[in-house]
């Protein structure tokens, strides 16, 4: 099944988790500076429980909430993979169903 992506230039939110604040900060800065994201919010320490290599793990992480446009997603995903220290980073894109006109206009203008 092919995932349905929003039409070009639609706002999306991309989620990824990072091992610590330093990595999250570096990735957020790189994505915004490069114009691939309008904003990347770091959500303080979260705890992720997941299965990896046959074991259940429970690790502290930092959640990045990245705001961008759907037409920039392929390049953002490639860049995120190149910056991320995880072998298989979480990279999940969600469509934005609605938002304030002013914020969405800013987002459109802020993504290069």
N, C-alpha and C. Protein backbone atom coordinates (compact mmCIF):
# COMPACT_ATOMS: atom_id res chain seq x y z
N UNK A 1 0.84 -1.18 0.00
CA UNK A 1 0.00 0.00 0.00
C UNK A 1 0.89 1.24 0.00
N UNK A 2 0.60 2.17 -0.88
CA UNK A 2 1.36 3.42 -0.97
C UNK A 2 0.75 4.42 -0.01
N UNK A 3 1.58 5.01 0.88
CA UNK A 3 1.03 5.99 1.82
C UNK A 3 0.51 7.22 1.09
N UNK A 4 -0.59 7.75 1.56
CA UNK A 4 -1.16 8.97 0.99
C UNK A 4 -0.45 10.16 1.59
N UNK A 5 0.14 10.97 0.75
CA UNK A 5 0.78 12.21 1.20
C UNK A 5 -0.14 13.37 0.85
N UNK A 6 -0.03 14.41 1.61
CA UNK A 6 -0.80 15.62 1.32
C UNK A 6 -0.35 16.17 -0.03
N UNK A 7 -1.21 16.96 -0.67
CA UNK A 7 -0.83 17.54 -1.95
C UNK A 7 0.37 18.47 -1.76
N UNK A 8 1.10 18.77 -2.85
CA UNK A 8 2.30 19.60 -2.72
C UNK A 8 2.04 20.90 -1.97
N UNK A 9 2.98 21.28 -1.16
CA UNK A 9 2.99 22.52 -0.40
C UNK A 9 1.91 22.59 0.68
N UNK A 10 1.40 21.44 1.10
CA UNK A 10 0.48 21.41 2.24
C UNK A 10 1.30 21.33 3.52
N UNK A 11 0.84 21.97 4.61
CA UNK A 11 1.58 21.88 5.87
C UNK A 11 1.52 20.47 6.43
N UNK A 12 2.65 20.02 6.97
CA UNK A 12 2.73 18.73 7.65
C UNK A 12 3.56 18.89 8.92
N UNK A 13 3.40 17.94 9.82
CA UNK A 13 4.20 17.86 11.03
C UNK A 13 4.97 16.56 10.96
N UNK A 14 6.27 16.63 11.17
CA UNK A 14 7.12 15.44 11.14
C UNK A 14 7.62 15.21 12.56
N UNK A 15 7.50 13.98 13.03
CA UNK A 15 7.95 13.61 14.37
C UNK A 15 9.20 12.75 14.28
N UNK A 16 10.14 13.00 15.16
CA UNK A 16 11.30 12.13 15.31
C UNK A 16 11.75 12.21 16.76
N UNK A 17 12.36 11.14 17.24
CA UNK A 17 12.92 11.16 18.58
C UNK A 17 14.44 11.13 18.49
N UNK A 18 15.08 11.76 19.46
CA UNK A 18 16.54 11.87 19.50
C UNK A 18 17.04 11.37 20.86
N UNK A 19 18.29 10.95 20.92
CA UNK A 19 18.80 10.40 22.18
C UNK A 19 18.98 11.42 23.29
N UNK A 20 19.17 12.71 22.95
CA UNK A 20 19.39 13.71 23.99
C UNK A 20 19.15 15.11 23.43
N UNK A 21 19.19 16.11 24.31
CA UNK A 21 18.93 17.50 23.93
C UNK A 21 19.96 18.03 22.93
N UNK A 22 21.22 17.65 23.09
CA UNK A 22 22.26 18.16 22.20
C UNK A 22 22.01 17.71 20.76
N UNK A 23 21.69 16.45 20.57
CA UNK A 23 21.41 15.93 19.22
C UNK A 23 20.15 16.58 18.68
N UNK A 24 19.10 16.67 19.51
CA UNK A 24 17.84 17.28 19.07
C UNK A 24 18.06 18.74 18.66
N UNK A 25 18.84 19.47 19.43
CA UNK A 25 19.12 20.86 19.13
C UNK A 25 19.89 21.00 17.81
N UNK A 26 20.88 20.16 17.61
CA UNK A 26 21.69 20.21 16.38
C UNK A 26 20.82 19.90 15.16
N UNK A 27 20.00 18.87 15.25
CA UNK A 27 19.14 18.50 14.12
C UNK A 27 18.13 19.61 13.85
N UNK A 28 17.49 20.14 14.90
CA UNK A 28 16.50 21.21 14.73
C UNK A 28 17.13 22.41 14.04
N UNK A 29 18.30 22.81 14.51
CA UNK A 29 18.99 23.96 13.92
C UNK A 29 19.31 23.73 12.45
N UNK A 30 19.82 22.57 12.13
CA UNK A 30 20.18 22.24 10.73
C UNK A 30 18.95 22.27 9.82
N UNK A 31 17.85 21.70 10.27
CA UNK A 31 16.65 21.65 9.43
C UNK A 31 16.06 23.03 9.18
N UNK A 32 16.05 23.88 10.21
CA UNK A 32 15.52 25.23 10.05
C UNK A 32 16.48 26.08 9.23
N UNK A 33 17.77 26.01 9.53
CA UNK A 33 18.77 26.80 8.79
C UNK A 33 18.77 26.47 7.30
N UNK A 34 18.56 25.20 6.97
CA UNK A 34 18.59 24.77 5.57
C UNK A 34 17.31 25.13 4.82
N UNK A 35 16.28 25.58 5.54
CA UNK A 35 15.01 25.93 4.91
C UNK A 35 14.09 24.74 4.70
N UNK A 36 14.46 23.59 5.25
CA UNK A 36 13.61 22.40 5.12
C UNK A 36 12.46 22.41 6.12
N UNK A 37 12.59 23.20 7.18
CA UNK A 37 11.54 23.30 8.19
C UNK A 37 11.39 24.75 8.61
N UNK A 38 10.16 25.11 8.95
CA UNK A 38 9.90 26.46 9.46
C UNK A 38 10.22 26.52 10.94
N UNK A 39 10.01 25.40 11.63
CA UNK A 39 10.18 25.35 13.07
C UNK A 39 10.38 23.90 13.49
N UNK A 40 11.21 23.69 14.49
CA UNK A 40 11.36 22.37 15.09
C UNK A 40 11.33 22.55 16.60
N UNK A 41 10.29 22.06 17.23
CA UNK A 41 10.12 22.20 18.67
C UNK A 41 10.66 20.98 19.38
N UNK A 42 11.48 21.22 20.40
CA UNK A 42 12.03 20.13 21.20
C UNK A 42 11.15 19.94 22.43
N UNK A 43 10.57 18.76 22.54
CA UNK A 43 9.73 18.42 23.68
C UNK A 43 10.63 17.69 24.66
N UNK A 44 10.78 18.26 25.87
CA UNK A 44 11.67 17.73 26.88
C UNK A 44 11.71 16.22 26.95
N UNK A 45 12.34 15.71 27.92
CA UNK A 45 12.57 14.28 28.00
C UNK A 45 11.25 13.51 28.00
N UNK A 46 11.17 12.53 27.12
CA UNK A 46 10.08 11.57 27.07
C UNK A 46 10.71 10.20 27.28
N UNK A 47 9.90 9.23 27.59
CA UNK A 47 10.41 7.86 27.71
C UNK A 47 9.73 7.02 26.65
N UNK A 48 10.55 6.36 25.84
CA UNK A 48 10.03 5.51 24.78
C UNK A 48 10.25 4.05 25.14
N UNK A 49 9.20 3.27 25.00
CA UNK A 49 9.28 1.83 25.17
C UNK A 49 9.09 1.22 23.80
N UNK A 50 10.03 0.43 23.36
CA UNK A 50 10.01 -0.10 22.00
C UNK A 50 10.76 -1.43 21.92
N UNK A 51 10.50 -2.14 20.84
CA UNK A 51 11.20 -3.39 20.57
C UNK A 51 12.33 -3.10 19.59
N UNK A 52 13.54 -3.52 19.93
CA UNK A 52 14.70 -3.33 19.04
C UNK A 52 15.61 -4.54 19.17
N UNK A 53 15.88 -5.16 18.05
CA UNK A 53 16.77 -6.32 17.98
C UNK A 53 16.38 -7.40 18.98
N UNK A 54 15.07 -7.67 19.04
CA UNK A 54 14.55 -8.76 19.86
C UNK A 54 14.38 -8.46 21.33
N UNK A 55 14.69 -7.26 21.76
CA UNK A 55 14.56 -6.91 23.18
C UNK A 55 13.61 -5.72 23.35
N UNK A 56 12.93 -5.69 24.48
CA UNK A 56 12.09 -4.54 24.83
C UNK A 56 12.99 -3.54 25.54
N UNK A 57 12.98 -2.31 25.05
CA UNK A 57 13.82 -1.27 25.64
C UNK A 57 12.93 -0.14 26.17
N UNK A 58 13.44 0.55 27.16
CA UNK A 58 12.77 1.71 27.75
C UNK A 58 13.86 2.76 27.92
N UNK A 59 13.84 3.78 27.07
CA UNK A 59 14.93 4.76 27.02
C UNK A 59 14.40 6.19 27.08
N UNK A 60 15.15 7.08 27.72
CA UNK A 60 14.80 8.50 27.64
C UNK A 60 15.17 9.05 26.27
N UNK A 61 14.33 9.90 25.73
CA UNK A 61 14.57 10.53 24.44
C UNK A 61 14.01 11.95 24.47
N UNK A 62 14.32 12.70 23.42
CA UNK A 62 13.77 14.04 23.21
C UNK A 62 12.97 13.97 21.91
N UNK A 63 11.73 14.43 21.95
CA UNK A 63 10.86 14.42 20.79
C UNK A 63 11.03 15.74 20.02
N UNK A 64 11.26 15.63 18.71
CA UNK A 64 11.27 16.80 17.84
C UNK A 64 9.95 16.83 17.08
N UNK A 65 9.30 17.98 17.10
CA UNK A 65 8.06 18.21 16.35
C UNK A 65 8.43 19.23 15.29
N UNK A 66 8.51 18.78 14.05
CA UNK A 66 9.03 19.58 12.94
C UNK A 66 7.88 20.03 12.05
N UNK A 67 7.79 21.35 11.82
CA UNK A 67 6.74 21.88 10.96
C UNK A 67 7.34 22.24 9.61
N UNK A 68 6.74 21.69 8.54
CA UNK A 68 7.26 21.91 7.20
C UNK A 68 6.12 21.78 6.19
N UNK A 69 6.49 21.67 4.91
CA UNK A 69 5.52 21.50 3.83
C UNK A 69 5.73 20.14 3.17
N UNK A 70 4.64 19.57 2.70
CA UNK A 70 4.71 18.22 2.13
C UNK A 70 5.65 18.10 0.94
N UNK A 71 5.79 19.17 0.15
CA UNK A 71 6.68 19.07 -1.00
C UNK A 71 8.16 19.05 -0.60
N UNK A 72 8.47 19.40 0.65
CA UNK A 72 9.85 19.36 1.16
C UNK A 72 10.15 18.06 1.91
N UNK A 73 9.11 17.22 2.11
CA UNK A 73 9.30 16.02 2.91
C UNK A 73 10.40 15.09 2.39
N UNK A 74 10.44 14.75 1.10
CA UNK A 74 11.49 13.81 0.67
C UNK A 74 12.91 14.29 1.01
N UNK A 75 13.19 15.57 0.79
CA UNK A 75 14.51 16.10 1.09
C UNK A 75 14.73 16.17 2.61
N UNK A 76 13.69 16.54 3.36
CA UNK A 76 13.80 16.58 4.81
C UNK A 76 14.10 15.19 5.36
N UNK A 77 13.42 14.18 4.86
CA UNK A 77 13.66 12.81 5.32
C UNK A 77 15.11 12.39 5.07
N UNK A 78 15.61 12.64 3.88
CA UNK A 78 17.00 12.29 3.56
C UNK A 78 17.98 13.02 4.47
N UNK A 79 17.73 14.32 4.68
CA UNK A 79 18.63 15.12 5.54
C UNK A 79 18.56 14.64 6.99
N UNK A 80 17.36 14.36 7.45
CA UNK A 80 17.18 13.88 8.81
C UNK A 80 17.93 12.56 9.03
N UNK A 81 17.83 11.66 8.07
CA UNK A 81 18.55 10.38 8.17
C UNK A 81 20.06 10.61 8.21
N UNK A 82 20.56 11.58 7.45
CA UNK A 82 22.00 11.83 7.42
C UNK A 82 22.49 12.47 8.73
N UNK A 83 21.62 13.21 9.41
CA UNK A 83 22.00 13.89 10.65
C UNK A 83 21.79 13.01 11.89
N UNK A 84 20.93 12.04 11.79
CA UNK A 84 20.47 11.28 12.96
C UNK A 84 21.44 10.18 13.34
N UNK A 85 21.72 10.01 14.64
CA UNK A 85 22.64 8.95 15.06
C UNK A 85 22.02 7.55 15.10
N UNK A 86 20.69 7.45 15.09
CA UNK A 86 20.05 6.13 15.17
C UNK A 86 20.18 5.39 13.84
N UNK A 87 20.31 4.09 13.93
CA UNK A 87 20.36 3.25 12.73
C UNK A 87 19.04 3.33 11.96
N UNK A 88 17.93 3.32 12.69
CA UNK A 88 16.60 3.44 12.09
C UNK A 88 15.83 4.50 12.88
N UNK A 89 15.99 5.78 12.52
CA UNK A 89 15.29 6.82 13.26
C UNK A 89 13.79 6.81 12.99
N UNK A 90 13.04 7.18 14.00
CA UNK A 90 11.60 7.39 13.81
C UNK A 90 11.44 8.64 12.95
N UNK A 91 10.76 8.50 11.83
CA UNK A 91 10.43 9.66 10.99
C UNK A 91 9.00 9.43 10.52
N UNK A 92 8.08 10.20 11.08
CA UNK A 92 6.66 10.03 10.80
C UNK A 92 6.09 11.39 10.41
N UNK A 93 5.42 11.46 9.27
CA UNK A 93 4.81 12.70 8.81
C UNK A 93 3.29 12.63 8.98
N UNK A 94 2.73 13.70 9.53
CA UNK A 94 1.29 13.78 9.76
C UNK A 94 0.73 15.01 9.04
N UNK A 95 -0.42 14.88 8.39
CA UNK A 95 -1.02 16.06 7.75
C UNK A 95 -1.57 17.01 8.81
N UNK A 96 -1.61 18.28 8.47
CA UNK A 96 -2.23 19.29 9.32
C UNK A 96 -3.65 19.48 8.81
N UNK A 97 -4.63 19.12 9.61
CA UNK A 97 -6.03 19.21 9.20
C UNK A 97 -6.52 20.65 9.16
N UNK A 98 -6.04 21.46 10.09
CA UNK A 98 -6.47 22.86 10.17
C UNK A 98 -5.44 23.62 11.01
N UNK A 99 -5.44 24.92 10.86
CA UNK A 99 -4.55 25.77 11.64
C UNK A 99 -4.92 27.22 11.40
N UNK A 100 -4.40 28.10 12.23
CA UNK A 100 -4.72 29.51 12.05
C UNK A 100 -4.13 29.99 10.72
N UNK A 101 -4.87 30.83 10.04
CA UNK A 101 -4.44 31.34 8.74
C UNK A 101 -3.10 32.06 8.85
N UNK A 102 -2.92 32.81 9.94
CA UNK A 102 -1.67 33.56 10.12
C UNK A 102 -0.47 32.61 10.28
N UNK A 103 -0.65 31.57 11.09
CA UNK A 103 0.45 30.62 11.30
C UNK A 103 0.77 29.86 10.03
N UNK A 104 -0.24 29.38 9.34
CA UNK A 104 -0.01 28.62 8.12
C UNK A 104 0.61 29.48 7.03
N UNK A 105 0.26 30.75 6.98
CA UNK A 105 0.89 31.67 6.03
C UNK A 105 2.36 31.85 6.38
N UNK A 106 2.65 32.02 7.67
CA UNK A 106 4.04 32.14 8.11
C UNK A 106 4.83 30.89 7.74
N UNK A 107 4.24 29.72 7.99
CA UNK A 107 4.90 28.45 7.70
C UNK A 107 5.24 28.36 6.21
N UNK A 108 4.28 28.72 5.36
CA UNK A 108 4.52 28.69 3.90
C UNK A 108 5.70 29.58 3.53
N UNK A 109 5.78 30.76 4.12
CA UNK A 109 6.85 31.69 3.80
C UNK A 109 8.19 31.32 4.40
N UNK A 110 8.18 30.58 5.52
CA UNK A 110 9.42 30.27 6.24
C UNK A 110 10.15 29.05 5.68
N UNK A 111 9.44 28.20 4.96
CA UNK A 111 10.08 27.01 4.38
C UNK A 111 10.65 27.40 3.03
N UNK A 112 11.96 27.21 2.88
CA UNK A 112 12.65 27.63 1.65
C UNK A 112 12.31 26.83 0.44
